[in-house]
Amino acid sequence: MIPGSTFSNNSIDRHIAITDGIFAIAMTILVLEIAVPTVSEISSGAALNEYFINYLLPAVLIYFISFYLVFNFWKNTTILFSFKKISGTTLLLNMMTLASVCLIPFATGFLFEFYKYKEVNILFSLLILAISLLYILMFISLIRSNFSDYFENKDEIKTTINNELDNYEDGIEFTNLKLYVRGVTLTTFYLLMTPVISSIISILLAFISPVLSMVSFLLVLVLRFVIRMRRTSKDHLDDIELSYDEKEFINNVRNSIYGDE
């Protein structure tokens, strides 16, 4: 199958299955990276307290942050695979993404031991940034596969829609269909950009405070929440005066992006 062609539903389902499996394994391995001390290493209450303060508490915090980042990437994959047309290029990019996700447990274990060093934080942040950029490339590939007709034939589609709306005095005129499609895909793009922004901030903070560098990834959670809330508050299609054809068109685009979400 050539990279630009689309795959059958069966092939895509199998690809989704292995994707879910890899994410499940990566999320499970994360906790196994937390080292349990031996009796010879903990010989007193003071040594145990030092283990809790200097290793276990930071490790648990790093574990939950890494777990959420992996979950965030899995959620992004779920959104992207809701598109109707999946090309070979998209699947290839997804396999590259999965290979990078498998490195997250190693990078997390590295952080458990050396979270106070900026070099280790930068290494982790660069890995998250690389994975995030791969998702952006997948998004671009999916947009081209699913909405190329809208972009290339926007004038023809606009004319057809306007002709059908001749009887509607207040009908919406699609003056630039490309801009409209871009608008309804922005939410997905914003969601994919959240780890990119957090990674860049984390790299910059690593030179100031390695701890703040790691904690800054919580910004992904905050940004996703804000974007979702903003989308929900503005996504009231029934409140807009549109024709049946226009609503059907909008729903088809949204379903391609969000599936049944």
Foldseek 3Di string as FASTA:
>chain_A
DDQFAFDDPVVLVVLLVVLVVLLVVLLVCLVVLQDDDDCVQDVDPVSVVCCVPVFVVLLVVLSVLLNVLSVLLNVLVVLLSLAPTQGNNLSVLVVVLSVLSSCSSVLSSVCRVPLFALVSLLVNLVSLLVSLVSSVVSVVSSCCVRPVCCQVVVVVVQVVVVVVCPVPPPADRCPDSVVVLVVLCVLSVQLSCQSNVLSVVLNVCSVVGSSVSSVSSCSSVVSNVVSVVVCVVPVDPVVDDHDPVVVVVVVVSNCSRGPPD
